[in-house]
Amino acid sequence: MNNKKLIPVMLCFFAMGFVDLVGIASNYVKADLNLSDSMANTLPSLVFLWFLIFSIPTSLLMNKIGRKNTVLLSLVMTLASLIIPVFTLDFTMLLLSFSLLGIGNAIMQTSLNPLVDSVMKGGASASTLTFGQFIKSIASFLAPIIASWGAVNNMFGFGWRVLYPIYLGVGILATLLLFGTRINEQPRTTPVPSLDGGENAEQASVVHQFADCFALLRGPFVLLCFLAIVCHVGIDVGASVTAPKILMERLGITLNDAAYIATVYFVAKAAGSFSGSFIMKFLKDWTFLLLSVLMMVVAVFGLLFGKDSAIIYASVALMGFGNGNPFSIVFARALQAVPDKKNEISGLLIMGICGGAVFPMLMGAASDAIGNQSGAVLALSVGILYLLFFWMMGLRVKK
């Protein structure tokens, strides 16, 4: 494996992290456009809804055009999404921007993880994916810092939106570097639909491939992994969106001041991913998964009962650190479970990122019902309890 090939791939992981700007962006859009909570929450939910729709088609697209070309397509979609807010804050155009960001990220996450497998030639995939998540987290934790800095200083007249042209530049660099990198991909194991039988035969073959993808969910371990991804991403999005609200509610501070706690979450998540890539060289990934989930359990109690900033910040940091590794562990285990269907498994698991659309809505409803953000934390804890259940069941299911 040529380490130079890993550089553009890791830069793509950085571009993958652009999706996490939706948390802080939705808070600023709410303030700028005077939106209700329900209207503002449609933005992050809209982003992650597309994972439900595009993940499986992307896995089939990879079979036709290859993993690298599919990642390049996702980067083009991402660049288009970043251009729109540079010129307008119209709500309809923002819906288009967030949709393009979600579509591009759905395509990227489905294709980039298998592309790592091609670059690594099957070696150290779990630790490499974890390091990729660390790189992704850098983009995630920089977004609140850049947005708050831009809002306070009104940088270049963009205000908080200055993060869009900055990330646009990085996205262009990632696209150019990956385009110029030659990557030898493993031959696919499922035949490409033949055109000899005509258009109807091709359509029937595509339908058959869709059916084959969803049939993988009949495997108990694959289904467990899918639901684990739903909960992992729901925790990720829910924590980053809710943490500033907890600070504002309990300490009475402004959004610009509270925005930095989202950075704390993503910094801690990056630290968890970075350290995890080394820890898993010495500790079994399944043991490390249990430790990560237990950290998040402790964090929930801090977020429920913490009344001062130190406890809240520490709990958010612990939540981020613990949630830095489940994705890569679950993903690598699922690929190992069905090695001849890696593209299809990738599509199924990335479809689980729709949890980022489900959890914010559930958390919003729970907080409205209770009357404070403790309701959101309780809803979040459901996902953490499932990850603990996933760990226990994973010990019994034969991979």
Protein backbone atom coordinates (compact mmCIF):
# COMPACT_ATOMS: atom_id res chain seq x y z
CA MET A 1 0.00 0.00 0.00
CA ASN A 2 1.33 3.41 -1.03
CA ASN A 3 0.97 5.85 1.86
CA LYS A 4 0.71 8.74 -0.64
CA LYS A 5 -2.64 7.36 -1.74
CA LEU A 6 -3.90 7.68 1.80
CA ILE A 7 -3.45 11.49 1.80
CA PRO A 8 -6.24 12.36 -0.68
CA VAL A 9 -8.46 9.70 0.89
CA MET A 10 -8.00 11.24 4.35
CA LEU A 11 -8.70 14.67 2.89
CA CYS A 12 -11.98 13.22 1.63
CA PHE A 13 -12.72 12.17 5.21
CA PHE A 14 -12.21 15.82 6.14
CA ALA A 15 -14.75 16.77 3.47
CA MET A 16 -17.07 14.13 4.88
CA GLY A 17 -17.02 16.10 8.15
CA PHE A 18 -18.65 19.09 6.44
CA VAL A 19 -22.01 17.47 7.18
CA ASP A 20 -21.56 18.22 10.88
CA LEU A 21 -21.82 21.96 10.26
CA VAL A 22 -25.61 21.47 10.13
CA GLY A 23 -25.87 21.53 13.92
CA ILE A 24 -24.41 24.97 14.47
CA ALA A 25 -25.67 26.30 11.13
CA SER A 26 -29.29 25.44 12.01
CA ASN A 27 -28.98 27.40 15.26
CA TYR A 28 -27.68 30.48 13.43
CA VAL A 29 -30.28 30.15 10.66
CA LYS A 30 -32.98 29.99 13.33
CA ALA A 31 -31.72 33.27 14.81
CA ASP A 32 -31.19 34.99 11.44
CA LEU A 33 -34.59 34.06 9.99
CA ASN A 34 -36.52 34.03 13.29
CA LEU A 35 -37.63 30.44 12.81
CA SER A 36 -39.47 28.22 15.26
CA ASP A 37 -37.70 25.19 16.74
CA SER A 38 -39.66 22.82 14.54
CA MET A 39 -38.77 24.75 11.37
CA ALA A 40 -35.10 25.02 12.34
CA ASN A 41 -34.92 21.30 13.13
CA THR A 42 -36.03 20.46 9.59
CA LEU A 43 -32.57 21.46 8.36
CA PRO A 44 -30.45 18.79 10.12
CA SER A 45 -33.25 16.25 9.69
CA LEU A 46 -33.42 17.02 5.97
CA VAL A 47 -29.68 16.44 5.59
CA PHE A 48 -29.76 12.96 7.08
CA LEU A 49 -33.05 11.91 5.51
CA TRP A 50 -31.26 11.47 2.18
CA PHE A 51 -29.13 8.67 3.59
CA LEU A 52 -32.26 6.54 3.70
CA ILE A 53 -32.88 7.16 -0.01
CA PHE A 54 -29.43 7.24 -1.63
CA SER A 55 -27.30 4.72 0.26
CA ILE A 56 -28.46 1.54 -1.50
CA PRO A 57 -28.49 3.12 -5.01
CA THR A 58 -24.95 4.34 -4.32
CA SER A 59 -23.79 0.82 -3.49
CA LEU A 60 -25.14 -0.29 -6.87
CA LEU A 61 -23.60 2.73 -8.60
CA MET A 62 -20.19 1.71 -7.21
CA ASN A 63 -20.61 -1.63 -8.96
CA LYS A 64 -20.86 0.21 -12.29
CA ILE A 65 -18.48 3.18 -12.09
CA GLY A 66 -16.13 2.16 -9.27
CA ARG A 67 -15.53 3.43 -5.75
CA LYS A 68 -13.17 6.28 -6.62
CA ASN A 69 -15.47 7.76 -9.27
CA THR A 70 -18.41 7.52 -6.87
CA VAL A 71 -16.46 9.45 -4.23
CA LEU A 72 -15.62 12.10 -6.84
CA LEU A 73 -19.32 12.43 -7.66
CA SER A 74 -20.07 12.94 -3.97
CA LEU A 75 -17.47 15.69 -3.75
CA VAL A 76 -19.05 17.54 -6.67
CA MET A 77 -22.44 17.40 -4.93
CA THR A 78 -20.85 18.65 -1.70
CA LEU A 79 -19.18 21.57 -3.47
CA ALA A 80 -22.52 22.58 -5.00
CA SER A 81 -24.13 22.57 -1.55
CA LEU A 82 -21.44 24.86 -0.13
CA ILE A 83 -21.77 27.46 -2.88
CA ILE A 84 -25.44 28.33 -2.24
CA PRO A 85 -25.17 29.86 1.30
CA VAL A 86 -22.29 32.04 0.12
CA PHE A 87 -24.78 34.05 -1.94
CA THR A 88 -28.13 33.77 -0.15
CA LEU A 89 -29.90 33.04 3.14
CA ASP A 90 -33.26 32.43 1.50
CA PHE A 91 -34.89 29.56 3.38
CA THR A 92 -35.93 27.71 0.22
CA MET A 93 -32.39 27.91 -1.15
CA LEU A 94 -31.04 26.74 2.21
CA LEU A 95 -33.31 23.71 1.99
CA LEU A 96 -31.74 22.99 -1.40
CA SER A 97 -28.24 23.50 0.02
CA PHE A 98 -28.82 21.18 2.97
CA SER A 99 -30.40 18.59 0.67
CA LEU A 100 -27.39 18.63 -1.66
CA LEU A 101 -25.10 18.35 1.37
CA GLY A 102 -27.06 15.34 2.58
CA ILE A 103 -27.12 13.66 -0.84
CA GLY A 104 -23.40 14.26 -1.36
CA ASN A 105 -22.55 12.99 2.09
CA ALA A 106 -24.74 9.91 1.68
CA ILE A 107 -22.89 9.05 -1.52
CA MET A 108 -19.51 9.82 0.05
CA GLN A 109 -19.99 7.77 3.20
CA THR A 110 -21.27 4.81 1.20
CA SER A 111 -18.32 4.82 -1.19
CA LEU A 112 -15.39 6.23 0.80
CA ASN A 113 -15.28 3.52 3.46
CA PRO A 114 -15.01 0.69 0.86
CA LEU A 115 -12.43 2.81 -0.99
CA VAL A 116 -10.27 2.66 2.14
CA ASP A 117 -10.49 -1.12 1.89
CA SER A 118 -9.16 -0.86 -1.68
CA VAL A 119 -6.29 1.38 -0.60
CA MET A 120 -5.39 -0.79 2.40
CA LYS A 121 -5.80 -4.04 0.40
CA GLY A 122 -7.77 -5.49 3.31
CA GLY A 123 -5.17 -4.74 5.98
CA ALA A 124 -5.80 -2.79 9.21
CA SER A 125 -9.15 -1.56 7.92
CA ALA A 126 -10.70 -0.96 11.36
CA SER A 127 -7.81 1.20 12.62
CA THR A 128 -7.61 3.07 9.29
CA LEU A 129 -11.34 3.79 9.30
CA THR A 130 -11.02 5.00 12.89
CA PHE A 131 -8.20 7.35 11.87
CA GLY A 132 -10.42 8.55 9.02
CA GLN A 133 -13.13 9.33 11.57
CA PHE A 134 -10.53 11.34 13.48
CA ILE A 135 -9.81 13.39 10.36
CA LYS A 136 -13.55 13.83 9.80
CA SER A 137 -13.89 15.07 13.38
CA ILE A 138 -11.38 17.86 12.73
CA ALA A 139 -13.78 19.38 10.18
CA SER A 140 -16.62 18.82 12.64
CA PHE A 141 -15.08 20.64 15.58
CA LEU A 142 -13.71 23.48 13.45
CA ALA A 143 -17.19 24.38 12.14
CA PRO A 144 -18.55 25.91 15.40
CA ILE A 145 -15.28 27.77 15.98
CA ILE A 146 -15.27 29.27 12.48
CA ALA A 147 -18.98 30.12 12.63
CA SER A 148 -18.73 31.83 16.02
CA TRP A 149 -15.53 33.66 15.01
CA GLY A 150 -17.17 34.83 11.81
CA ALA A 151 -20.33 35.94 13.64
CA VAL A 152 -18.44 37.96 16.24
CA ASN A 153 -16.08 39.65 13.77
CA ASN A 154 -18.40 39.74 10.74
CA MET A 155 -15.55 38.37 8.63
CA PHE A 156 -15.63 39.59 5.02
CA GLY A 157 -19.30 40.50 5.45
CA PHE A 158 -20.29 36.84 5.64
CA GLY A 159 -20.68 36.63 9.41
CA TRP A 160 -21.06 33.03 10.55
CA ARG A 161 -21.41 31.95 6.91
CA VAL A 162 -17.66 32.46 6.39
CA LEU A 163 -17.26 28.75 7.10
CA TYR A 164 -18.86 27.98 3.71
CA PRO A 165 -16.19 29.57 1.45
CA ILE A 166 -13.47 28.17 3.70
CA TYR A 167 -14.79 24.63 3.47
CA LEU A 168 -15.48 25.12 -0.23
CA GLY A 169 -11.76 25.71 -0.81
CA VAL A 170 -10.81 22.56 1.10
CA GLY A 171 -13.42 20.57 -0.84
CA ILE A 172 -11.98 21.70 -4.17
CA LEU A 173 -8.49 20.61 -3.04
CA ALA A 174 -9.79 17.18 -1.99
CA THR A 175 -11.50 16.74 -5.35
CA LEU A 176 -8.40 17.61 -7.35
CA LEU A 177 -6.06 15.40 -5.30
CA LEU A 178 -8.33 12.36 -5.46
CA PHE A 179 -8.91 12.85 -9.19
CA GLY A 180 -5.15 12.78 -9.76
CA THR A 181 -4.56 9.67 -7.60
CA ARG A 182 -4.54 6.23 -9.21
CA ILE A 183 -6.20 3.58 -7.05
CA ASN A 184 -6.44 -0.06 -8.10
CA GLU A 185 -9.78 -1.38 -6.91
CA GLN A 186 -10.56 -5.04 -6.33
CA PRO A 187 -12.77 -6.61 -8.99
CA ARG A 188 -16.41 -6.73 -7.92
CA THR A 189 -17.85 -10.13 -7.12
CA THR A 190 -21.41 -9.57 -8.38
CA PRO A 191 -21.90 -9.42 -12.18
CA VAL A 192 -22.80 -6.06 -13.70
CA PRO A 193 -26.28 -6.12 -15.28
CA SER A 194 -26.07 -7.04 -18.93
CA LEU A 195 -27.64 -4.84 -21.57
CA ASP A 196 -28.05 -7.75 -23.96
CA GLY A 197 -31.53 -8.49 -22.69
CA GLY A 198 -32.69 -4.94 -23.30
CA GLU A 199 -33.88 -2.21 -20.97
CA ASN A 200 -36.40 -4.42 -19.17
CA ALA A 201 -33.75 -7.03 -18.41
CA GLU A 202 -31.45 -4.37 -16.99
CA GLN A 203 -34.22 -2.93 -14.81
CA ALA A 204 -35.10 -6.40 -13.57
CA SER A 205 -31.45 -6.99 -12.70
CA VAL A 206 -31.25 -3.72 -10.75
CA VAL A 207 -34.41 -4.62 -8.84
CA HIS A 208 -32.83 -7.99 -8.10
CA GLN A 209 -29.73 -6.25 -6.72
CA PHE A 210 -31.89 -4.04 -4.50
CA ALA A 211 -33.61 -7.16 -3.19
CA ASP A 212 -30.23 -8.80 -2.56
CA CYS A 213 -29.08 -5.75 -0.57
CA PHE A 214 -32.11 -5.72 1.71
CA ALA A 215 -32.00 -9.51 2.00
CA LEU A 216 -28.71 -9.07 3.88
CA LEU A 217 -30.75 -7.63 6.77
CA ARG A 218 -32.09 -11.14 7.35
CA GLY A 219 -28.71 -11.94 8.84
CA PRO A 220 -29.03 -11.20 12.58
CA PHE A 221 -25.59 -9.65 12.88
CA VAL A 222 -26.05 -7.38 9.83
CA LEU A 223 -29.38 -6.15 11.23
CA LEU A 224 -27.78 -5.49 14.61
CA CYS A 225 -25.02 -3.52 12.89
CA PHE A 226 -27.53 -1.47 10.88
CA LEU A 227 -29.46 -0.45 14.00
CA ALA A 228 -26.18 0.31 15.78
CA ILE A 229 -25.27 2.81 13.05
CA VAL A 230 -28.76 4.38 13.36
CA CYS A 231 -28.19 4.94 17.08
CA HIS A 232 -24.53 6.01 16.77
CA VAL A 233 -25.34 8.77 14.28
CA GLY A 234 -28.46 9.77 16.20
CA ILE A 235 -26.31 10.26 19.29
CA ASP A 236 -23.76 12.20 17.26
CA VAL A 237 -26.22 14.66 15.72
CA GLY A 238 -28.40 14.87 18.80
CA ALA A 239 -25.52 15.65 21.14
CA SER A 240 -24.05 18.38 18.92
CA VAL A 241 -27.44 20.05 18.43
CA THR A 242 -28.62 19.78 22.04
CA ALA A 243 -25.42 20.63 23.95
CA PRO A 244 -25.58 24.40 23.20
CA LYS A 245 -29.27 24.42 24.17
CA ILE A 246 -28.46 22.82 27.53
CA LEU A 247 -25.91 25.53 28.27
CA MET A 248 -28.25 28.33 27.24
CA GLU A 249 -31.11 26.85 29.27
CA ARG A 250 -29.21 26.18 32.49
CA LEU A 251 -26.62 28.98 32.46
CA GLY A 252 -28.49 31.70 30.54
CA ILE A 253 -25.67 32.41 28.06
CA THR A 254 -25.88 33.51 24.40
CA LEU A 255 -25.64 31.29 21.32
CA ASN A 256 -22.21 32.67 20.36
CA ASP A 257 -20.88 31.63 23.78
CA ALA A 258 -22.74 28.31 23.87
CA ALA A 259 -21.63 27.33 20.34
CA TYR A 260 -18.18 26.35 21.59
CA ILE A 261 -19.54 23.36 23.50
CA ALA A 262 -20.25 21.71 20.13
CA THR A 263 -16.54 22.11 19.44
CA VAL A 264 -15.77 20.41 22.76
CA TYR A 265 -17.90 17.46 21.66
CA PHE A 266 -16.18 17.11 18.29
CA VAL A 267 -12.68 17.65 19.74
CA ALA A 268 -13.34 14.88 22.24
CA LYS A 269 -14.72 12.69 19.47
CA ALA A 270 -11.59 13.36 17.40
CA ALA A 271 -9.43 12.45 20.40
CA GLY A 272 -11.42 9.26 20.84
CA SER A 273 -11.04 8.30 17.19
CA PHE A 274 -7.34 9.17 17.12
CA SER A 275 -6.51 7.26 20.29
CA GLY A 276 -8.77 4.40 19.22
CA SER A 277 -6.76 3.82 16.05
CA PHE A 278 -3.79 2.99 18.30
CA ILE A 279 -5.61 1.37 21.23
CA MET A 280 -7.19 -1.22 18.94
CA LYS A 281 -3.73 -2.43 17.98
CA PHE A 282 -3.39 -3.70 21.56
CA LEU A 283 -6.99 -4.14 22.74
CA LYS A 284 -9.73 -6.15 21.05
CA ASP A 285 -12.17 -3.90 19.25
CA TRP A 286 -15.17 -5.52 20.97
CA THR A 287 -13.70 -4.76 24.40
CA PHE A 288 -12.97 -1.20 23.35
CA LEU A 289 -16.55 -0.85 22.12
CA LEU A 290 -17.85 -1.72 25.59
CA LEU A 291 -15.57 0.85 27.22
CA SER A 292 -16.75 3.49 24.75
CA VAL A 293 -20.43 2.81 25.45
CA LEU A 294 -19.88 2.90 29.22
CA MET A 295 -18.32 6.35 28.84
CA MET A 296 -21.49 7.56 27.14
CA VAL A 297 -23.65 6.07 29.91
CA VAL A 298 -21.73 8.11 32.48
CA ALA A 299 -22.08 11.19 30.26
CA VAL A 300 -25.87 10.87 30.20
CA PHE A 301 -26.05 11.17 34.00
CA GLY A 302 -23.90 14.29 33.86
CA LEU A 303 -26.12 15.89 31.21
CA LEU A 304 -29.29 15.01 33.13
CA PHE A 305 -28.22 16.29 36.53
CA GLY A 306 -25.33 18.69 35.87
CA LYS A 307 -26.08 22.27 36.92
CA ASP A 308 -22.73 24.00 36.40
CA SER A 309 -20.63 24.49 33.30
CA ALA A 310 -17.78 22.19 34.41
CA ILE A 311 -20.03 19.14 34.73
CA ILE A 312 -21.87 19.89 31.49
CA TYR A 313 -18.66 20.43 29.52
CA ALA A 314 -17.07 17.29 31.01
CA SER A 315 -20.16 15.21 30.19
CA VAL A 316 -20.26 16.46 26.60
CA ALA A 317 -16.54 15.70 26.24
CA LEU A 318 -17.02 12.19 27.61
CA MET A 319 -19.95 11.65 25.24
CA GLY A 320 -17.81 12.72 22.28
CA PHE A 321 -14.83 10.59 23.29
CA GLY A 322 -17.01 7.52 23.74
CA ASN A 323 -18.83 8.05 20.44
CA GLY A 324 -15.60 8.39 18.46
CA ASN A 325 -15.14 4.66 17.78
CA PRO A 326 -18.42 2.70 17.47
CA PHE A 327 -18.87 3.57 13.78
CA SER A 328 -15.56 2.17 12.61
CA ILE A 329 -15.83 -0.92 14.80
CA VAL A 330 -19.36 -1.74 13.65
CA PHE A 331 -18.52 -1.00 10.01
CA ALA A 332 -15.37 -3.14 9.97
CA ARG A 333 -17.13 -6.05 11.70
CA ALA A 334 -20.02 -5.93 9.22
CA LEU A 335 -17.65 -5.95 6.23
CA GLN A 336 -15.84 -8.93 7.71
CA ALA A 337 -19.14 -10.74 8.28
CA VAL A 338 -20.08 -10.64 4.56
CA PRO A 339 -16.78 -10.14 2.71
CA ASP A 340 -18.21 -10.93 -0.75
CA LYS A 341 -20.86 -8.18 -0.47
CA LYS A 342 -18.82 -5.22 0.76
CA ASN A 343 -20.45 -2.62 -1.51
CA GLU A 344 -23.93 -3.79 -0.54
CA ILE A 345 -23.09 -3.92 3.18
CA SER A 346 -21.67 -0.41 2.94
CA GLY A 347 -24.88 0.84 1.36
CA LEU A 348 -27.03 -0.75 4.05
CA LEU A 349 -24.98 0.59 6.93
CA ILE A 350 -24.73 4.10 5.52
CA MET A 351 -28.49 4.04 5.11
CA GLY A 352 -28.48 3.81 8.90
CA ILE A 353 -27.16 7.37 9.05
CA CYS A 354 -30.81 8.37 8.65
CA GLY A 355 -30.71 8.09 12.44
CA GLY A 356 -29.40 11.66 12.26
CA ALA A 357 -32.84 12.65 10.96
CA VAL A 358 -34.86 10.56 13.41
CA PHE A 359 -33.17 11.36 16.72
CA PRO A 360 -33.36 15.20 16.56
CA MET A 361 -37.11 14.99 15.96
CA LEU A 362 -37.59 12.54 18.82
CA MET A 363 -35.41 14.64 21.10
CA GLY A 364 -37.31 17.80 20.18
CA ALA A 365 -40.64 16.14 20.92
CA ALA A 366 -39.34 14.79 24.23
CA SER A 367 -37.96 18.16 25.35
CA ASP A 368 -41.24 19.87 24.41
CA ALA A 369 -43.20 17.28 26.38
CA ILE A 370 -41.07 17.65 29.52
CA GLY A 371 -40.48 21.36 29.10
CA ASN A 372 -36.67 21.31 29.17
CA GLN A 373 -33.65 19.68 27.51
CA SER A 374 -33.63 16.76 29.94
CA GLY A 375 -36.25 15.22 27.67
CA ALA A 376 -33.82 15.39 24.77
CA VAL A 377 -31.12 13.71 26.87
CA LEU A 378 -33.50 10.90 27.84
CA ALA A 379 -34.34 10.32 24.18
CA LEU A 380 -30.62 10.29 23.42
CA SER A 381 -30.03 7.66 26.10
CA VAL A 382 -32.22 5.20 24.18
CA GLY A 383 -29.57 5.04 21.47
CA ILE A 384 -26.82 4.49 24.04
CA LEU A 385 -28.75 1.66 25.69
CA TYR A 386 -29.14 0.01 22.28
CA LEU A 387 -25.37 0.14 21.71
CA LEU A 388 -24.94 -1.65 25.03
CA PHE A 389 -27.51 -4.23 23.88
CA PHE A 390 -25.67 -4.52 20.55
CA TRP A 391 -22.43 -5.30 22.37
CA MET A 392 -24.09 -8.02 24.44
CA MET A 393 -25.87 -9.60 21.47
CA GLY A 394 -22.74 -9.37 19.33
CA LEU A 395 -21.03 -11.78 21.70
CA ARG A 396 -23.68 -14.41 20.99
CA VAL A 397 -24.32 -13.98 17.27
CA LYS A 398 -22.14 -16.14 15.03
CA LYS A 399 -20.46 -13.89 12.43
